[in-house]
Protein backbone atom coordinates (compact mmCIF):
# COMPACT_ATOMS: atom_id res chain seq x y z
CA MET A 1 107.50 34.87 160.59
CA LYS A 2 105.00 36.41 158.15
CA GLN A 3 106.38 36.56 154.62
CA PRO A 4 106.31 39.95 152.86
CA PRO A 5 104.15 40.19 149.71
CA ARG A 6 105.96 39.02 146.63
CA PRO A 7 107.21 41.97 144.58
CA ILE A 8 105.32 43.31 141.59
CA PRO A 9 106.40 41.48 138.40
CA LEU A 10 108.72 43.53 136.23
CA LEU A 11 108.06 44.38 132.61
CA SER A 12 110.89 45.00 130.19
CA ARG A 13 111.27 48.69 129.38
CA HIS A 14 109.88 48.12 125.88
CA ALA A 15 106.62 46.49 127.06
CA THR A 16 103.51 48.24 128.38
CA LEU A 17 100.11 47.28 129.77
CA ILE A 18 96.70 48.92 129.59
CA ASP A 19 94.27 48.71 132.50
CA THR A 20 91.08 48.51 130.49
CA HIS A 21 88.71 48.85 133.45
CA CYS A 22 89.16 50.87 136.62
CA HIS A 23 87.13 53.43 138.55
CA LEU A 24 89.49 56.31 139.18
CA ASP A 25 86.67 58.66 140.19
CA MET A 26 85.83 56.63 143.30
CA GLU A 27 86.46 57.78 146.85
CA ALA A 28 89.19 55.17 147.34
CA TYR A 29 91.50 57.33 145.18
CA GLN A 30 90.32 60.73 146.36
CA THR A 31 93.44 61.63 148.33
CA ASP A 32 96.18 60.20 146.11
CA LEU A 33 94.92 59.82 142.54
CA ASP A 34 97.94 61.52 140.97
CA ALA A 35 100.27 59.21 142.90
CA VAL A 36 98.25 56.15 141.87
CA ILE A 37 98.50 57.15 138.21
CA ALA A 38 102.21 57.94 138.45
CA SER A 39 102.95 54.62 140.17
CA ALA A 40 101.06 52.73 137.47
CA VAL A 41 103.07 54.44 134.74
CA GLN A 42 106.32 53.74 136.61
CA HIS A 43 105.46 50.02 136.65
CA GLY A 44 104.59 49.89 132.94
CA VAL A 45 100.81 50.32 133.09
CA LYS A 46 101.05 53.32 130.84
CA ARG A 47 97.37 53.74 129.94
CA MET A 48 94.11 53.36 131.87
CA ILE A 49 90.42 53.46 131.01
CA THR A 50 88.26 54.84 133.81
CA ILE A 51 84.70 53.60 133.70
CA GLY A 52 81.41 55.42 134.13
CA ILE A 53 78.64 53.69 136.06
CA ASP A 54 76.02 56.45 136.29
CA HIS A 55 75.51 60.06 135.22
CA SER A 56 77.82 61.54 137.86
CA SER A 57 80.64 59.01 137.56
CA SER A 58 80.53 59.21 133.77
CA ARG A 59 80.99 62.95 133.99
CA GLN A 60 83.85 62.51 136.48
CA ALA A 61 85.47 59.86 134.28
CA VAL A 62 85.50 62.28 131.37
CA ARG A 63 86.90 65.03 133.59
CA ILE A 64 89.77 62.82 134.80
CA ALA A 65 90.53 61.64 131.28
CA ASN A 66 90.66 65.20 130.02
CA GLN A 67 93.27 66.01 132.67
CA HIS A 68 95.61 63.11 131.78
CA ALA A 69 96.87 62.28 128.30
CA ASN A 70 97.19 58.58 129.14
CA ILE A 71 93.71 58.10 130.60
CA PHE A 72 90.51 57.50 128.65
CA ALA A 73 86.88 57.25 129.72
CA THR A 74 83.67 55.35 129.17
CA ILE A 75 80.12 56.40 130.01
CA GLY A 76 77.01 54.45 130.95
CA PHE A 77 74.57 53.24 133.58
CA HIS A 78 75.59 50.14 135.56
CA PRO A 79 72.76 47.64 136.16
CA HIS A 80 72.71 48.70 139.83
CA ASP A 81 71.75 52.18 138.61
CA ALA A 82 69.46 51.09 135.77
CA SER A 83 66.48 52.93 137.24
CA GLN A 84 68.33 56.21 136.65
CA ALA A 85 68.62 55.57 132.90
CA THR A 86 65.82 57.92 131.88
CA GLN A 87 65.64 59.22 128.33
CA LYS A 88 66.96 62.58 129.48
CA ALA A 89 69.88 60.93 131.26
CA LEU A 90 70.69 58.86 128.18
CA ASN A 91 70.55 62.00 126.05
CA ASP A 92 73.04 63.60 128.45
CA LEU A 93 75.39 60.64 128.07
CA ALA A 94 75.10 60.85 124.29
CA GLU A 95 76.23 64.45 124.57
CA MET A 96 79.17 63.42 126.79
CA ALA A 97 80.19 60.92 124.11
CA ARG A 98 81.18 63.83 121.88
CA ASN A 99 84.21 64.37 124.11
CA HIS A 100 87.43 63.10 122.52
CA ALA A 101 88.39 61.18 125.69
CA VAL A 102 85.35 58.87 125.52
CA VAL A 103 86.35 55.55 123.97
CA GLY A 104 83.55 53.20 125.03
CA TYR A 105 80.01 52.82 126.33
CA GLY A 106 79.53 51.06 129.65
CA GLU A 107 79.61 49.65 132.19
CA ILE A 108 76.20 48.30 131.26
CA GLY A 109 74.57 44.93 131.64
CA LEU A 110 72.79 42.69 134.13
CA ASP A 111 73.43 41.82 137.77
CA TYR A 112 71.24 39.08 139.24
CA VAL A 113 73.13 38.88 142.54
CA LYS A 114 72.45 42.14 144.35
CA HIS A 115 69.25 43.23 142.58
CA TYR A 116 69.68 46.92 143.32
CA ALA A 117 67.33 47.38 140.37
CA PRO A 118 64.53 44.97 139.36
CA ARG A 119 65.33 42.59 136.53
CA ASP A 120 62.86 44.12 134.11
CA VAL A 121 64.35 47.57 134.73
CA GLN A 122 67.86 46.23 134.18
CA ILE A 123 66.86 44.48 130.97
CA LYS A 124 65.17 47.59 129.56
CA ALA A 125 68.16 49.83 130.40
CA PHE A 126 70.64 47.29 129.01
CA LYS A 127 68.83 47.00 125.69
CA GLN A 128 68.42 50.79 125.38
CA GLN A 129 72.11 51.32 126.04
CA LEU A 130 73.26 48.60 123.65
CA ASN A 131 71.33 50.37 120.93
CA LEU A 132 72.65 53.76 122.02
CA ALA A 133 76.21 52.44 121.87
CA LYS A 134 75.55 51.34 118.30
CA ASP A 135 74.19 54.78 117.45
CA LEU A 136 77.26 56.42 119.01
CA ASN A 137 79.61 54.01 117.22
CA LEU A 138 81.28 52.97 120.48
CA PRO A 139 82.38 49.56 121.79
CA VAL A 140 80.42 48.29 124.78
CA VAL A 141 81.70 47.35 128.24
CA ILE A 142 79.40 44.66 129.62
CA HIS A 143 78.76 43.65 133.24
CA ASP A 144 77.33 40.13 133.60
CA ARG A 145 76.93 38.69 137.07
CA GLU A 146 74.99 35.41 137.24
CA ALA A 147 72.93 36.58 134.26
CA HIS A 148 74.73 34.73 131.49
CA GLU A 149 71.75 33.53 129.46
CA ASP A 150 69.88 36.82 129.51
CA THR A 151 73.07 38.75 128.74
CA ARG A 152 73.83 36.56 125.74
CA ASN A 153 70.25 36.70 124.46
CA LEU A 154 69.97 40.48 124.78
CA ILE A 155 73.21 41.07 122.92
CA ARG A 156 71.98 38.79 120.15
CA SER A 157 68.63 40.56 120.05
CA VAL A 158 70.14 43.96 119.20
CA GLY A 159 72.10 42.50 116.32
CA HIS A 160 75.65 43.09 115.21
CA LEU A 161 77.71 45.47 117.36
CA PRO A 162 79.84 47.24 114.73
CA LYS A 163 82.50 48.34 117.25
CA GLY A 164 82.40 45.16 119.32
CA GLY A 165 83.01 45.27 123.04
CA VAL A 166 84.28 43.44 126.08
CA MET A 167 82.90 41.15 128.73
CA HIS A 168 84.19 42.93 131.82
CA CYS A 169 85.46 40.82 134.73
CA PHE A 170 84.48 37.62 132.93
CA SER A 171 82.85 35.03 135.19
CA GLY A 172 81.45 32.48 132.76
CA ASP A 173 82.79 29.21 131.39
CA VAL A 174 84.67 28.41 128.20
CA GLN A 175 81.46 27.87 126.22
CA LEU A 176 80.11 31.30 127.17
CA ALA A 177 83.47 32.89 126.38
CA GLN A 178 83.39 31.39 122.88
CA ALA A 179 79.79 32.52 122.35
CA MET A 180 80.76 36.08 123.27
CA ILE A 181 83.86 35.99 121.08
CA ASP A 182 81.67 34.82 118.20
CA MET A 183 79.58 37.98 118.73
CA GLY A 184 82.67 40.18 118.46
CA LEU A 185 83.46 40.64 122.14
CA TYR A 186 86.73 40.37 124.01
CA ILE A 187 87.09 38.54 127.32
CA SER A 188 88.55 40.64 130.13
CA ILE A 189 90.58 38.99 132.86
CA PRO A 190 90.52 40.56 136.36
CA GLY A 191 92.61 39.99 139.49
CA VAL A 192 90.32 37.06 140.34
CA ALA A 193 92.64 35.08 138.05
CA THR A 194 95.23 35.09 140.86
CA PHE A 195 92.86 33.40 143.32
CA THR A 196 93.70 29.73 143.87
CA ASN A 197 90.04 28.65 143.70
CA ALA A 198 89.28 30.42 140.39
CA HIS A 199 89.38 27.13 138.47
CA GLY A 200 86.78 28.10 135.88
CA LEU A 201 88.54 31.34 135.03
CA HIS A 202 91.86 29.53 134.83
CA GLU A 203 90.35 27.18 132.26
CA VAL A 204 89.05 30.15 130.26
CA ILE A 205 92.53 31.70 130.28
CA ARG A 206 94.10 28.40 129.26
CA THR A 207 91.63 27.83 126.42
CA VAL A 208 90.90 31.24 124.90
CA ASP A 209 93.40 32.51 122.37
CA LEU A 210 95.41 35.53 123.52
CA ARG A 211 93.98 37.45 120.55
CA HIS A 212 90.67 37.64 122.41
CA LEU A 213 91.86 38.64 125.89
CA LEU A 214 92.09 41.96 127.72
CA LEU A 215 93.36 42.70 131.23
CA GLU A 216 91.74 44.83 133.92
CA THR A 217 91.94 45.66 137.61
CA ASP A 218 88.36 46.81 138.27
CA GLY A 219 90.14 48.98 140.85
CA PRO A 220 89.52 49.76 143.62
CA PHE A 221 87.83 46.33 143.74
CA LEU A 222 89.11 42.76 143.33
CA ALA A 223 92.77 43.27 144.21
CA PRO A 224 94.91 40.31 143.13
CA VAL A 225 96.86 38.04 145.42
CA PRO A 226 98.93 39.01 147.43
CA PHE A 227 96.79 42.11 148.06
CA ARG A 228 93.40 40.38 148.10
CA GLY A 229 90.97 42.34 150.27
CA LYS A 230 92.93 45.58 150.02
CA ARG A 231 92.52 48.51 147.65
CA ASN A 232 93.22 47.60 144.06
CA GLU A 233 94.96 50.02 141.71
CA PRO A 234 96.25 49.96 138.14
CA LYS A 235 99.87 49.02 138.93
CA LEU A 236 98.65 45.73 140.42
CA LEU A 237 97.59 44.68 136.93
CA LEU A 238 101.09 43.20 136.68
CA TYR A 239 100.08 40.33 138.99
CA THR A 240 97.14 39.43 136.74
CA ALA A 241 99.27 39.68 133.62
CA GLN A 242 101.87 37.38 135.17
CA MET A 243 99.20 34.83 136.12
CA VAL A 244 97.89 34.81 132.55
CA ALA A 245 101.45 34.34 131.33
CA ASP A 246 102.04 31.47 133.76
CA ILE A 247 98.80 29.69 132.87
CA LYS A 248 99.42 30.02 129.13
CA GLN A 249 103.15 29.26 129.51
CA LEU A 250 104.13 32.48 127.80
CA SER A 251 106.41 35.35 128.74
CA LEU A 252 105.00 38.36 130.57
CA GLU A 253 106.12 40.53 127.65
CA THR A 254 104.17 38.39 125.16
CA VAL A 255 101.00 38.77 127.21
CA ALA A 256 101.59 42.51 127.60
CA GLN A 257 102.17 43.03 123.88
CA ALA A 258 99.10 41.05 122.83
CA THR A 259 96.62 42.45 125.36
CA THR A 260 97.84 46.00 124.77
CA SER A 261 97.37 45.59 121.02
CA ASN A 262 93.89 44.18 121.64
CA ALA A 263 92.93 47.15 123.83
CA VAL A 264 94.30 49.66 121.32
CA ARG A 265 92.30 47.97 118.57
CA LEU A 266 89.02 47.72 120.50
CA PHE A 267 88.99 51.19 122.01
CA GLN A 268 90.68 52.92 119.05
CA LEU A 269 93.44 54.26 121.29
CA PRO A 270 96.48 56.12 119.95
CA GLU A 271 99.20 53.74 118.84
CA THR A 272 101.86 55.71 120.72
CA ILE A 273 102.00 57.60 123.99
CA ASP A 274 103.80 60.76 125.03
CA ASN A 275 107.54 60.49 125.62
CA ASP A 276 107.17 61.56 129.24
CA LEU A 277 105.17 58.38 129.92
CA ARG A 278 107.87 56.04 128.67
């Protein structure tokens, strides 16, 4: 007989999590977004950051964040959409950044797997946006897929990032993680951590100090085991948090407290949340 999925890990009522990277504007949530948000809060994922990947999604991210006190937004052009990052479009994003709900710049970076935009176009857009993030005084959210060396070199080339940033959905090794940490970036752990064959990521989790880790779903993508292949959503962050706790031999509450503090610090989030979210 087929076994039912194991239940979502339970947080103590005093602990909370922050999903630092999800895409709540996407079609996967179109019919039940309010329910998705409410379910996340019920399970202890009290705050979410919804990520912009182009002009339209950045605008939608800001709109959603403005409608929910516990949701924040980022803006930017994903490497897949790098060809859209014209000067006018970047000026529009800079204007969006004036909104109080915007807490970061990204998702930006390089993707050498799908090549929806040529490498030279991606590199140009990435460098422009790293500099724009510095001008806007925002932390960066970086996408790096099989482009580790160029990603590292481009970040170094723009110099110190005063507000730091995060390596979204980290896919490198321990040495790359340390290089990014040395440049002021956090390492974000996705649901991939629950996959049995994610040996490299498990080693990163085991090695990197909790002070440098964030948690994310990348919802609706990359759902953790036991929901692999299905729609991901913020409440499923609990499975990733539990895996990090298991690998590091810590309590779930310890991981929640540390990663939440890290997210609050990086994205300059309010220290407290409304009573109705508790």
